[in-house]
Amino acid sequence: MTGTHFLIVILAAAFINTAFYIYARKKLGIPKPPWWYKPVNSTQGLLEIALLILLGFSVLRFPPEIMLFFFLYLMNGLRTFMEWKYEREEKQYVHYLFSTVLSLVIFIYICIFF
């Protein structure tokens, strides 16, 4: 994958994700989260740290662009589940669910075409 094509994919994903987030906040009444994400409980925090460590080791063995989107898929999937299970009334899980699906689509796109 060339650097330019990867940059276009990243920028398109960021734009789509931001546009959906703004739309979902207005439509569903999702409160604005704090600037830095706070885990729902300590288990989620430990799992996210473990995923980050695994990303560091896997980048040495596998292509970084594939591992980046796979990491985003796993991280957003974990956040979706935790937000849905423990803080359902805030509806923040809708945004993380969309980000999970978007990360999966981009991961599949990268795996098929590159």
PDB file of N, CA and C in Angstrom:
ATOM      1  N   MET A   1       0.852  -1.167   0.000  1.00  0.00           N
ATOM      2  CA  MET A   1       0.000   0.000   0.000  1.00  0.00           C
ATOM      3  C   MET A   1       0.895   1.225   0.000  1.00  0.00           C
ATOM      4  N   THR A   2       0.599   2.135  -0.906  1.00  0.00           N
ATOM      5  CA  THR A   2       1.400   3.351  -0.959  1.00  0.00           C
ATOM      6  C   THR A   2       0.980   4.297   0.163  1.00  0.00           C
ATOM      7  N   GLY A   3       1.879   5.167   0.511  1.00  0.00           N
ATOM      8  CA  GLY A   3       1.615   6.105   1.588  1.00  0.00           C
ATOM      9  C   GLY A   3       0.467   7.056   1.280  1.00  0.00           C
ATOM     10  N   THR A   4       0.370   7.477   0.021  1.00  0.00           N
ATOM     11  CA  THR A   4      -0.705   8.393  -0.372  1.00  0.00           C
ATOM     12  C   THR A   4      -2.064   7.721  -0.265  1.00  0.00           C
ATOM     13  N   HIS A   5      -2.148   6.496  -0.737  1.00  0.00           N
ATOM     14  CA  HIS A   5      -3.427   5.779  -0.674  1.00  0.00           C
ATOM     15  C   HIS A   5      -3.836   5.523   0.772  1.00  0.00           C
ATOM     16  N   PHE A   6      -2.896   5.159   1.601  1.00  0.00           N
ATOM     17  CA  PHE A   6      -3.180   4.938   3.018  1.00  0.00           C
ATOM     18  C   PHE A   6      -3.652   6.231   3.681  1.00  0.00           C
ATOM     19  N   LEU A   7      -3.023   7.352   3.353  1.00  0.00           N
ATOM     20  CA  LEU A   7      -3.425   8.641   3.908  1.00  0.00           C
ATOM     21  C   LEU A   7      -4.848   9.004   3.475  1.00  0.00           C
ATOM     22  N   ILE A   8      -5.189   8.727   2.231  1.00  0.00           N
ATOM     23  CA  ILE A   8      -6.548   8.999   1.742  1.00  0.00           C
ATOM     24  C   ILE A   8      -7.559   8.140   2.490  1.00  0.00           C
ATOM     25  N   VAL A   9      -7.238   6.876   2.710  1.00  0.00           N
ATOM     26  CA  VAL A   9      -8.140   5.990   3.444  1.00  0.00           C
ATOM     27  C   VAL A   9      -8.324   6.486   4.882  1.00  0.00           C
ATOM     28  N   ILE A  10      -7.251   6.882   5.529  1.00  0.00           N
ATOM     29  CA  ILE A  10      -7.326   7.381   6.912  1.00  0.00           C
ATOM     30  C   ILE A  10      -8.167   8.659   6.976  1.00  0.00           C
ATOM     31  N   LEU A  11      -7.918   9.597   6.073  1.00  0.00           N
ATOM     32  CA  LEU A  11      -8.669  10.856   6.091  1.00  0.00           C
ATOM     33  C   LEU A  11     -10.144  10.639   5.785  1.00  0.00           C
ATOM     34  N   ALA A  12     -10.448   9.757   4.841  1.00  0.00           N
ATOM     35  CA  ALA A  12     -11.851   9.461   4.538  1.00  0.00           C
ATOM     36  C   ALA A  12     -12.541   8.827   5.737  1.00  0.00           C
ATOM     37  N   ALA A  13     -11.869   7.903   6.403  1.00  0.00           N
ATOM     38  CA  ALA A  13     -12.455   7.260   7.589  1.00  0.00           C
ATOM     39  C   ALA A  13     -12.664   8.272   8.709  1.00  0.00           C
ATOM     40  N   ALA A  14     -11.706   9.157   8.913  1.00  0.00           N
ATOM     41  CA  ALA A  14     -11.842  10.178   9.963  1.00  0.00           C
ATOM     42  C   ALA A  14     -13.004  11.115   9.650  1.00  0.00           C
ATOM     43  N   PHE A  15     -13.161  11.497   8.396  1.00  0.00           N
ATOM     44  CA  PHE A  15     -14.268  12.376   8.016  1.00  0.00           C
ATOM     45  C   PHE A  15     -15.617  11.689   8.206  1.00  0.00           C
ATOM     46  N   ILE A  16     -15.744  10.446   7.759  1.00  0.00           N
ATOM     47  CA  ILE A  16     -16.999   9.705   7.901  1.00  0.00           C
ATOM     48  C   ILE A  16     -17.334   9.511   9.377  1.00  0.00           C
ATOM     49  N   ASN A  17     -16.349   9.149  10.176  1.00  0.00           N
ATOM     50  CA  ASN A  17     -16.570   8.927  11.599  1.00  0.00           C
ATOM     51  C   ASN A  17     -16.992  10.219  12.305  1.00  0.00           C
ATOM     52  N   THR A  18     -16.341  11.326  11.995  1.00  0.00           N
ATOM     53  CA  THR A  18     -16.689  12.602  12.609  1.00  0.00           C
ATOM     54  C   THR A  18     -18.078  13.063  12.195  1.00  0.00           C
ATOM     55  N   ALA A  19     -18.393  12.915  10.911  1.00  0.00           N
ATOM     56  CA  ALA A  19     -19.722  13.311  10.434  1.00  0.00           C
ATOM     57  C   ALA A  19     -20.819  12.494  11.113  1.00  0.00           C
ATOM     58  N   PHE A  20     -20.602  11.184  11.248  1.00  0.00           N
ATOM     59  CA  PHE A  20     -21.599  10.359  11.919  1.00  0.00           C
ATOM     60  C   PHE A  20     -21.718  10.736  13.389  1.00  0.00           C
ATOM     61  N   TYR A  21     -20.602  11.020  14.024  1.00  0.00           N
ATOM     62  CA  TYR A  21     -20.625  11.369  15.449  1.00  0.00           C
ATOM     63  C   TYR A  21     -21.411  12.657  15.687  1.00  0.00           C
ATOM     64  N   ILE A  22     -21.201  13.648  14.851  1.00  0.00           N
ATOM     65  CA  ILE A  22     -21.937  14.908  14.983  1.00  0.00           C
ATOM     66  C   ILE A  22     -23.422  14.664  14.751  1.00  0.00           C
ATOM     67  N   TYR A  23     -23.751  13.876  13.734  1.00  0.00           N
ATOM     68  CA  TYR A  23     -25.150  13.553  13.449  1.00  0.00           C
ATOM     69  C   TYR A  23     -25.777  12.780  14.611  1.00  0.00           C
ATOM     70  N   ALA A  24     -25.087  11.785  15.138  1.00  0.00           N
ATOM     71  CA  ALA A  24     -25.623  10.956  16.227  1.00  0.00           C
ATOM     72  C   ALA A  24     -25.781  11.770  17.515  1.00  0.00           C
ATOM     73  N   ARG A  25     -24.857  12.681  17.777  1.00  0.00           N
ATOM     74  CA  ARG A  25     -24.991  13.516  18.980  1.00  0.00           C
ATOM     75  C   ARG A  25     -26.240  14.381  18.912  1.00  0.00           C
ATOM     76  N   LYS A  26     -26.530  14.924  17.752  1.00  0.00           N
ATOM     77  CA  LYS A  26     -27.714  15.775  17.617  1.00  0.00           C
ATOM     78  C   LYS A  26     -28.991  14.946  17.602  1.00  0.00           C
ATOM     79  N   LYS A  27     -28.982  13.838  16.878  1.00  0.00           N
ATOM     80  CA  LYS A  27     -30.189  13.037  16.700  1.00  0.00           C
ATOM     81  C   LYS A  27     -30.552  12.238  17.955  1.00  0.00           C
ATOM     82  N   LEU A  28     -29.567  11.624  18.602  1.00  0.00           N
ATOM     83  CA  LEU A  28     -29.830  10.764  19.748  1.00  0.00           C
ATOM     84  C   LEU A  28     -29.642  11.459  21.094  1.00  0.00           C
ATOM     85  N   GLY A  29     -29.155  12.673  21.082  1.00  0.00           N
ATOM     86  CA  GLY A  29     -28.943  13.387  22.329  1.00  0.00           C
ATOM     87  C   GLY A  29     -27.800  12.823  23.156  1.00  0.00           C
ATOM     88  N   ILE A  30     -26.752  12.394  22.495  1.00  0.00           N
ATOM     89  CA  ILE A  30     -25.584  11.843  23.195  1.00  0.00           C
ATOM     90  C   ILE A  30     -24.817  13.003  23.834  1.00  0.00           C
ATOM     91  N   PRO A  31     -24.526  12.909  25.127  1.00  0.00           N
ATOM     92  CA  PRO A  31     -23.779  14.004  25.766  1.00  0.00           C
ATOM     93  C   PRO A  31     -22.337  14.040  25.262  1.00  0.00           C
ATOM     94  N   LYS A  32     -21.777  15.232  25.274  1.00  0.00           N
ATOM     95  CA  LYS A  32     -20.399  15.386  24.827  1.00  0.00           C
ATOM     96  C   LYS A  32     -19.472  14.739  25.845  1.00  0.00           C
ATOM     97  N   PRO A  33     -18.632  13.804  25.397  1.00  0.00           N
ATOM     98  CA  PRO A  33     -17.727  13.130  26.341  1.00  0.00           C
ATOM     99  C   PRO A  33     -16.566  14.035  26.718  1.00  0.00           C
ATOM    100  N   PRO A  34     -15.862  13.680  27.795  1.00  0.00           N
ATOM    101  CA  PRO A  34     -14.662  14.456  28.140  1.00  0.00           C
ATOM    102  C   PRO A  34     -13.601  14.304  27.045  1.00  0.00           C
ATOM    103  N   TRP A  35     -12.630  15.200  27.050  1.00  0.00           N
ATOM    104  CA  TRP A  35     -11.611  15.197  26.012  1.00  0.00           C
ATOM    105  C   TRP A  35     -10.819  13.882  25.990  1.00  0.00           C
ATOM    106  N   TRP A  36     -10.509  13.346  27.139  1.00  0.00           N
ATOM    107  CA  TRP A  36      -9.755  12.103  27.251  1.00  0.00           C
ATOM    108  C   TRP A  36     -10.710  11.004  27.684  1.00  0.00           C
ATOM    109  N   TYR A  37     -10.669   9.858  27.013  1.00  0.00           N
ATOM    110  CA  TYR A  37     -11.593   8.768  27.307  1.00  0.00           C
ATOM    111  C   TYR A  37     -11.288   8.155  28.674  1.00  0.00           C
ATOM    112  N   LYS A  38     -12.314   8.003  29.476  1.00  0.00           N
ATOM    113  CA  LYS A  38     -12.184   7.355  30.785  1.00  0.00           C
ATOM    114  C   LYS A  38     -12.831   5.979  30.702  1.00  0.00           C
ATOM    115  N   PRO A  39     -12.110   4.912  31.041  1.00  0.00           N
ATOM    116  CA  PRO A  39     -12.704   3.575  31.015  1.00  0.00           C
ATOM    117  C   PRO A  39     -13.885   3.469  31.973  1.00  0.00           C
ATOM    118  N   VAL A  40     -14.816   2.602  31.620  1.00  0.00           N
ATOM    119  CA  VAL A  40     -16.012   2.407  32.436  1.00  0.00           C
ATOM    120  C   VAL A  40     -15.646   1.785  33.778  1.00  0.00           C
ATOM    121  N   ASN A  41     -14.742   0.811  33.751  1.00  0.00           N
ATOM    122  CA  ASN A  41     -14.287   0.180  34.994  1.00  0.00           C
ATOM    123  C   ASN A  41     -12.815  -0.209  34.842  1.00  0.00           C
ATOM    124  N   SER A  42     -12.235  -0.744  35.901  1.00  0.00           N
ATOM    125  CA  SER A  42     -10.803  -1.065  35.869  1.00  0.00           C
ATOM    126  C   SER A  42     -10.487  -2.225  34.929  1.00  0.00           C
ATOM    127  N   THR A  43     -11.431  -3.131  34.740  1.00  0.00           N
ATOM    128  CA  THR A  43     -11.215  -4.249  33.820  1.00  0.00           C
ATOM    129  C   THR A  43     -11.009  -3.739  32.397  1.00  0.00           C
ATOM    130  N   GLN A  44     -11.813  -2.783  31.994  1.00  0.00           N
ATOM    131  CA  GLN A  44     -11.664  -2.219  30.657  1.00  0.00           C
ATOM    132  C   GLN A  44     -10.315  -1.527  30.511  1.00  0.00           C
ATOM    133  N   GLY A  45      -9.895  -0.807  31.529  1.00  0.00           N
ATOM    134  CA  GLY A  45      -8.598  -0.147  31.483  1.00  0.00           C
ATOM    135  C   GLY A  45      -7.460  -1.139  31.316  1.00  0.00           C
ATOM    136  N   LEU A  46      -7.509  -2.239  32.054  1.00  0.00           N
ATOM    137  CA  LEU A  46      -6.460  -3.262  31.938  1.00  0.00           C
ATOM    138  C   LEU A  46      -6.488  -3.931  30.571  1.00  0.00           C
ATOM    139  N   LEU A  47      -7.685  -4.211  30.041  1.00  0.00           N
ATOM    140  CA  LEU A  47      -7.786  -4.826  28.715  1.00  0.00           C
ATOM    141  C   LEU A  47      -7.257  -3.891  27.626  1.00  0.00           C
ATOM    142  N   GLU A  48      -7.526  -2.601  27.746  1.00  0.00           N
ATOM    143  CA  GLU A  48      -7.013  -1.653  26.755  1.00  0.00           C
ATOM    144  C   GLU A  48      -5.489  -1.556  26.818  1.00  0.00           C
ATOM    145  N   ILE A  49      -4.923  -1.593  28.008  1.00  0.00           N
ATOM    146  CA  ILE A  49      -3.463  -1.577  28.136  1.00  0.00           C
ATOM    147  C   ILE A  49      -2.862  -2.845  27.526  1.00  0.00           C
ATOM    148  N   ALA A  50      -3.495  -3.999  27.770  1.00  0.00           N
ATOM    149  CA  ALA A  50      -3.020  -5.262  27.188  1.00  0.00           C
ATOM    150  C   ALA A  50      -3.093  -5.214  25.662  1.00  0.00           C
ATOM    151  N   LEU A  51      -4.172  -4.650  25.114  1.00  0.00           N
ATOM    152  CA  LEU A  51      -4.284  -4.525  23.655  1.00  0.00           C
ATOM    153  C   LEU A  51      -3.202  -3.606  23.100  1.00  0.00           C
ATOM    154  N   LEU A  52      -2.888  -2.540  23.809  1.00  0.00           N
ATOM    155  CA  LEU A  52      -1.849  -1.623  23.359  1.00  0.00           C
ATOM    156  C   LEU A  52      -0.473  -2.295  23.363  1.00  0.00           C
ATOM    157  N   ILE A  53      -0.194  -3.087  24.370  1.00  0.00           N
ATOM    158  CA  ILE A  53       1.071  -3.827  24.426  1.00  0.00           C
ATOM    159  C   ILE A  53       1.136  -4.850  23.298  1.00  0.00           C
ATOM    160  N   LEU A  54       0.035  -5.555  23.058  1.00  0.00           N
ATOM    161  CA  LEU A  54       0.003  -6.516  21.948  1.00  0.00           C
ATOM    162  C   LEU A  54       0.182  -5.831  20.600  1.00  0.00           C
ATOM    163  N   LEU A  55      -0.361  -4.621  20.449  1.00  0.00           N
ATOM    164  CA  LEU A  55      -0.155  -3.867  19.216  1.00  0.00           C
ATOM    165  C   LEU A  55       1.324  -3.570  19.021  1.00  0.00           C
ATOM    166  N   GLY A  56       1.994  -3.175  20.088  1.00  0.00           N
ATOM    167  CA  GLY A  56       3.418  -2.877  19.990  1.00  0.00           C
ATOM    168  C   GLY A  56       4.238  -4.068  19.513  1.00  0.00           C
ATOM    169  N   PHE A  57       3.924  -5.254  20.019  1.00  0.00           N
ATOM    170  CA  PHE A  57       4.650  -6.451  19.587  1.00  0.00           C
ATOM    171  C   PHE A  57       4.245  -6.896  18.182  1.00  0.00           C
ATOM    172  N   SER A  58       2.972  -6.750  17.840  1.00  0.00           N
ATOM    173  CA  SER A  58       2.505  -7.245  16.544  1.00  0.00           C
ATOM    174  C   SER A  58       2.956  -6.350  15.391  1.00  0.00           C
ATOM    175  N   VAL A  59       3.203  -5.069  15.655  1.00  0.00           N
ATOM    176  CA  VAL A  59       3.671  -4.178  14.596  1.00  0.00           C
ATOM    177  C   VAL A  59       5.052  -4.613  14.116  1.00  0.00           C
ATOM    178  N   LEU A  60       5.831  -5.242  14.989  1.00  0.00           N
ATOM    179  CA  LEU A  60       7.152  -5.724  14.601  1.00  0.00           C
ATOM    180  C   LEU A  60       7.061  -6.925  13.663  1.00  0.00           C
ATOM    181  N   ARG A  61       5.967  -7.660  13.709  1.00  0.00           N
ATOM    182  CA  ARG A  61       5.842  -8.894  12.939  1.00  0.00           C
ATOM    183  C   ARG A  61       4.946  -8.751  11.705  1.00  0.00           C
ATOM    184  N   PHE A  62       3.919  -7.914  11.776  1.00  0.00           N
ATOM    185  CA  PHE A  62       2.938  -7.779  10.704  1.00  0.00           C
ATOM    186  C   PHE A  62       2.976  -6.359  10.139  1.00  0.00           C
ATOM    187  N   PRO A  63       2.363  -6.134   8.965  1.00  0.00           N
ATOM    188  CA  PRO A  63       2.345  -4.774   8.391  1.00  0.00           C
ATOM    189  C   PRO A  63       1.634  -3.790   9.325  1.00  0.00           C
ATOM    190  N   PRO A  64       2.241  -2.633   9.570  1.00  0.00           N
ATOM    191  CA  PRO A  64       1.673  -1.674  10.528  1.00  0.00           C
ATOM    192  C   PRO A  64       0.287  -1.165  10.163  1.00  0.00           C
ATOM    193  N   GLU A  65       0.023  -0.933   8.859  1.00  0.00           N
ATOM    194  CA  GLU A  65      -1.289  -0.395   8.487  1.00  0.00           C
ATOM    195  C   GLU A  65      -2.410  -1.389   8.756  1.00  0.00           C
ATOM    196  N   ILE A  66      -2.135  -2.662   8.562  1.00  0.00           N
ATOM    197  CA  ILE A  66      -3.143  -3.685   8.858  1.00  0.00           C
ATOM    198  C   ILE A  66      -3.352  -3.783  10.361  1.00  0.00           C
ATOM    199  N   MET A  67      -2.266  -3.761  11.112  1.00  0.00           N
ATOM    200  CA  MET A  67      -2.376  -3.880  12.562  1.00  0.00           C
ATOM    201  C   MET A  67      -3.051  -2.655  13.182  1.00  0.00           C
ATOM    202  N   LEU A  68      -2.855  -1.478  12.584  1.00  0.00           N
ATOM    203  CA  LEU A  68      -3.497  -0.276  13.099  1.00  0.00           C
ATOM    204  C   LEU A  68      -5.016  -0.398  13.037  1.00  0.00           C
ATOM    205  N   PHE A  69      -5.548  -0.826  11.898  1.00  0.00           N
ATOM    206  CA  PHE A  69      -6.997  -0.935  11.779  1.00  0.00           C
ATOM    207  C   PHE A  69      -7.541  -2.132  12.554  1.00  0.00           C
ATOM    208  N   PHE A  70      -6.762  -3.190  12.659  1.00  0.00           N
ATOM    209  CA  PHE A  70      -7.196  -4.312  13.482  1.00  0.00           C
ATOM    210  C   PHE A  70      -7.248  -3.892  14.955  1.00  0.00           C
ATOM    211  N   PHE A  71      -6.257  -3.112  15.391  1.00  0.00           N
ATOM    212  CA  PHE A  71      -6.252  -2.595  16.763  1.00  0.00           C
ATOM    213  C   PHE A  71      -7.453  -1.678  16.998  1.00  0.00           C
ATOM    214  N   LEU A  72      -7.743  -0.784  16.044  1.00  0.00           N
ATOM    215  CA  LEU A  72      -8.895   0.102  16.185  1.00  0.00           C
ATOM    216  C   LEU A  72     -10.196  -0.693  16.251  1.00  0.00           C
ATOM    217  N   TYR A  73     -10.263  -1.761  15.463  1.00  0.00           N
ATOM    218  CA  TYR A  73     -11.445  -2.621  15.493  1.00  0.00           C
ATOM    219  C   TYR A  73     -11.615  -3.270  16.873  1.00  0.00           C
ATOM    220  N   LEU A  74     -10.550  -3.833  17.402  1.00  0.00           N
ATOM    221  CA  LEU A  74     -10.630  -4.474  18.716  1.00  0.00           C
ATOM    222  C   LEU A  74     -10.908  -3.469  19.834  1.00  0.00           C
ATOM    223  N   MET A  75     -10.246  -2.329  19.790  1.00  0.00           N
ATOM    224  CA  MET A  75     -10.431  -1.319  20.836  1.00  0.00           C
ATOM    225  C   MET A  75     -11.857  -0.767  20.815  1.00  0.00           C
ATOM    226  N   ASN A  76     -12.352  -0.431  19.638  1.00  0.00           N
ATOM    227  CA  ASN A  76     -13.717   0.090  19.554  1.00  0.00           C
ATOM    228  C   ASN A  76     -14.743  -0.984  19.886  1.00  0.00           C
ATOM    229  N   GLY A  77     -14.464  -2.226  19.538  1.00  0.00           N
ATOM    230  CA  GLY A  77     -15.362  -3.317  19.908  1.00  0.00           C
ATOM    231  C   GLY A  77     -15.431  -3.486  21.417  1.00  0.00           C
ATOM    232  N   LEU A  78     -14.290  -3.400  22.078  1.00  0.00           N
ATOM    233  CA  LEU A  78     -14.262  -3.486  23.541  1.00  0.00           C
ATOM    234  C   LEU A  78     -15.009  -2.314  24.173  1.00  0.00           C
ATOM    235  N   ARG A  79     -14.775  -1.112  23.658  1.00  0.00           N
ATOM    236  CA  ARG A  79     -15.470   0.057  24.200  1.00  0.00           C
ATOM    237  C   ARG A  79     -16.968  -0.019  23.943  1.00  0.00           C
ATOM    238  N   THR A  80     -17.368  -0.514  22.780  1.00  0.00           N
ATOM    239  CA  THR A  80     -18.798  -0.671  22.482  1.00  0.00           C
ATOM    240  C   THR A  80     -19.446  -1.600  23.493  1.00  0.00           C
ATOM    241  N   PHE A  81     -18.824  -2.739  23.725  1.00  0.00           N
ATOM    242  CA  PHE A  81     -19.390  -3.711  24.651  1.00  0.00           C
ATOM    243  C   PHE A  81     -19.472  -3.143  26.067  1.00  0.00           C
ATOM    244  N   MET A  82     -18.404  -2.523  26.531  1.00  0.00           N
ATOM    245  CA  MET A  82     -18.386  -2.007  27.897  1.00  0.00           C
ATOM    246  C   MET A  82     -19.380  -0.858  28.082  1.00  0.00           C
ATOM    247  N   GLU A  83     -19.448   0.048  27.111  1.00  0.00           N
ATOM    248  CA  GLU A  83     -20.403   1.155  27.211  1.00  0.00           C
ATOM    249  C   GLU A  83     -21.836   0.625  27.152  1.00  0.00           C
ATOM    250  N   TRP A  84     -22.094  -0.341  26.295  1.00  0.00           N
ATOM    251  CA  TRP A  84     -23.433  -0.911  26.174  1.00  0.00           C
ATOM    252  C   TRP A  84     -23.830  -1.647  27.454  1.00  0.00           C
ATOM    253  N   LYS A  85     -22.891  -2.375  28.035  1.00  0.00           N
ATOM    254  CA  LYS A  85     -23.197  -3.174  29.210  1.00  0.00           C
ATOM    255  C   LYS A  85     -23.354  -2.334  30.477  1.00  0.00           C
ATOM    256  N   TYR A  86     -22.513  -1.330  30.666  1.00  0.00           N
ATOM    257  CA  TYR A  86     -22.480  -0.615  31.930  1.00  0.00           C
ATOM    258  C   TYR A  86     -23.062   0.800  31.889  1.00  0.00           C
ATOM    259  N   GLU A  87     -23.052   1.464  30.745  1.00  0.00           N
ATOM    260  CA  GLU A  87     -23.569   2.836  30.666  1.00  0.00           C
ATOM    261  C   GLU A  87     -24.492   2.988  29.467  1.00  0.00           C
ATOM    262  N   ARG A  88     -25.487   2.154  29.388  1.00  0.00           N
ATOM    263  CA  ARG A  88     -26.388   2.132  28.241  1.00  0.00           C
ATOM    264  C   ARG A  88     -27.191   3.423  28.106  1.00  0.00           C
ATOM    265  N   GLU A  89     -27.542   4.057  29.202  1.00  0.00           N
ATOM    266  CA  GLU A  89     -28.416   5.229  29.154  1.00  0.00           C
ATOM    267  C   GLU A  89     -27.762   6.434  28.474  1.00  0.00           C
ATOM    268  N   GLU A  90     -26.435   6.496  28.425  1.00  0.00           N
ATOM    269  CA  GLU A  90     -25.765   7.622  27.776  1.00  0.00           C
ATOM    270  C   GLU A  90     -25.709   7.482  26.264  1.00  0.00           C
ATOM    271  N   LYS A  91     -25.923   6.291  25.738  1.00  0.00           N
ATOM    272  CA  LYS A  91     -25.971   5.999  24.297  1.00  0.00           C
ATOM    273  C   LYS A  91     -24.647   6.255  23.573  1.00  0.00           C
ATOM    274  N   GLN A  92     -23.565   6.368  24.317  1.00  0.00           N
ATOM    275  CA  GLN A  92     -22.249   6.570  23.707  1.00  0.00           C
ATOM    276  C   GLN A  92     -21.831   5.336  22.913  1.00  0.00           C
ATOM    277  N   TYR A  93     -22.373   4.182  23.254  1.00  0.00           N
ATOM    278  CA  TYR A  93     -22.014   2.939  22.574  1.00  0.00           C
ATOM    279  C   TYR A  93     -22.400   2.967  21.095  1.00  0.00           C
ATOM    280  N   VAL A  94     -23.363   3.785  20.709  1.00  0.00           N
ATOM    281  CA  VAL A  94     -23.774   3.876  19.298  1.00  0.00           C
ATOM    282  C   VAL A  94     -22.610   4.387  18.455  1.00  0.00           C
ATOM    283  N   HIS A  95     -21.917   5.411  18.961  1.00  0.00           N
ATOM    284  CA  HIS A  95     -20.772   5.938  18.235  1.00  0.00           C
ATOM    285  C   HIS A  95     -19.654   4.905  18.138  1.00  0.00           C
ATOM    286  N   TYR A  96     -19.388   4.200  19.239  1.00  0.00           N
ATOM    287  CA  TYR A  96     -18.332   3.191  19.212  1.00  0.00           C
ATOM    288  C   TYR A  96     -18.714   2.010  18.322  1.00  0.00           C
ATOM    289  N   LEU A  97     -19.983   1.684  18.256  1.00  0.00           N
ATOM    290  CA  LEU A  97     -20.434   0.620  17.356  1.00  0.00           C
ATOM    291  C   LEU A  97     -20.198   1.014  15.901  1.00  0.00           C
ATOM    292  N   PHE A  98     -20.519   2.254  15.561  1.00  0.00           N
ATOM    293  CA  PHE A  98     -20.264   2.723  14.195  1.00  0.00           C
ATOM    294  C   PHE A  98     -18.769   2.705  13.896  1.00  0.00           C
ATOM    295  N   SER A  99     -17.947   3.146  14.845  1.00  0.00           N
ATOM    296  CA  SER A  99     -16.495   3.139  14.648  1.00  0.00           C
ATOM    297  C   SER A  99     -15.964   1.717  14.491  1.00  0.00           C
ATOM    298  N   THR A 100     -16.555   0.768  15.213  1.00  0.00           N
ATOM    299  CA  THR A 100     -16.152  -0.632  15.095  1.00  0.00           C
ATOM    300  C   THR A 100     -16.450  -1.156  13.694  1.00  0.00           C
ATOM    301  N   VAL A 101     -17.636  -0.889  13.209  1.00  0.00           N
ATOM    302  CA  VAL A 101     -18.018  -1.358  11.873  1.00  0.00           C
ATOM    303  C   VAL A 101     -17.154  -0.688  10.807  1.00  0.00           C
ATOM    304  N   LEU A 102     -16.915   0.610  10.956  1.00  0.00           N
ATOM    305  CA  LEU A 102     -16.069   1.322   9.998  1.00  0.00           C
ATOM    306  C   LEU A 102     -14.646   0.761  10.006  1.00  0.00           C
ATOM    307  N   SER A 103     -14.103   0.487  11.167  1.00  0.00           N
ATOM    308  CA  SER A 103     -12.751  -0.097  11.256  1.00  0.00           C
ATOM    309  C   SER A 103     -12.702  -1.479  10.628  1.00  0.00           C
ATOM    310  N   LEU A 104     -13.752  -2.271  10.815  1.00  0.00           N
ATOM    311  CA  LEU A 104     -13.802  -3.597  10.208  1.00  0.00           C
ATOM    312  C   LEU A 104     -13.873  -3.506   8.692  1.00  0.00           C
ATOM    313  N   VAL A 105     -14.659  -2.583   8.173  1.00  0.00           N
ATOM    314  CA  VAL A 105     -14.774  -2.413   6.729  1.00  0.00           C
ATOM    315  C   VAL A 105     -13.428  -1.997   6.133  1.00  0.00           C
ATOM    316  N   ILE A 106     -12.748  -1.071   6.774  1.00  0.00           N
ATOM    317  CA  ILE A 106     -11.443  -0.625   6.268  1.00  0.00           C
ATOM    318  C   ILE A 106     -10.407  -1.735   6.398  1.00  0.00           C
ATOM    319  N   PHE A 107     -10.457  -2.496   7.483  1.00  0.00           N
ATOM    320  CA  PHE A 107      -9.541  -3.627   7.648  1.00  0.00           C
ATOM    321  C   PHE A 107      -9.735  -4.644   6.529  1.00  0.00           C
ATOM    322  N   ILE A 108     -10.971  -4.969   6.207  1.00  0.00           N
ATOM    323  CA  ILE A 108     -11.249  -5.908   5.113  1.00  0.00           C
ATOM    324  C   ILE A 108     -10.800  -5.326   3.780  1.00  0.00           C
ATOM    325  N   TYR A 109     -11.048  -4.046   3.568  1.00  0.00           N
ATOM    326  CA  TYR A 109     -10.627  -3.381   2.345  1.00  0.00           C
ATOM    327  C   TYR A 109      -9.108  -3.473   2.168  1.00  0.00           C
ATOM    328  N   ILE A 110      -8.373  -3.204   3.230  1.00  0.00           N
ATOM    329  CA  ILE A 110      -6.922  -3.260   3.156  1.00  0.00           C
ATOM    330  C   ILE A 110      -6.444  -4.688   2.911  1.00  0.00           C
ATOM    331  N   CYS A 111      -7.063  -5.649   3.579  1.00  0.00           N
ATOM    332  CA  CYS A 111      -6.648  -7.057   3.409  1.00  0.00           C
ATOM    333  C   CYS A 111      -6.938  -7.566   1.991  1.00  0.00           C
ATOM    334  N   ILE A 112      -8.012  -7.128   1.387  1.00  0.00           N
ATOM    335  CA  ILE A 112      -8.370  -7.618   0.048  1.00  0.00           C
ATOM    336  C   ILE A 112      -7.535  -6.945  -1.034  1.00  0.00           C
ATOM    337  N   PHE A 113      -7.397  -5.648  -0.959  1.00  0.00           N
ATOM    338  CA  PHE A 113      -6.789  -4.914  -2.058  1.00  0.00           C
ATOM    339  C   PHE A 113      -5.295  -4.667  -1.893  1.00  0.00           C
ATOM    340  N   PHE A 114      -4.719  -5.020  -0.749  1.00  0.00           N
ATOM    341  CA  PHE A 114      -3.285  -4.770  -0.587  1.00  0.00           C
ATOM    342  C   PHE A 114      -2.623  -5.938   0.027  1.00  0.00           C
TER     343      PHE A 114
END
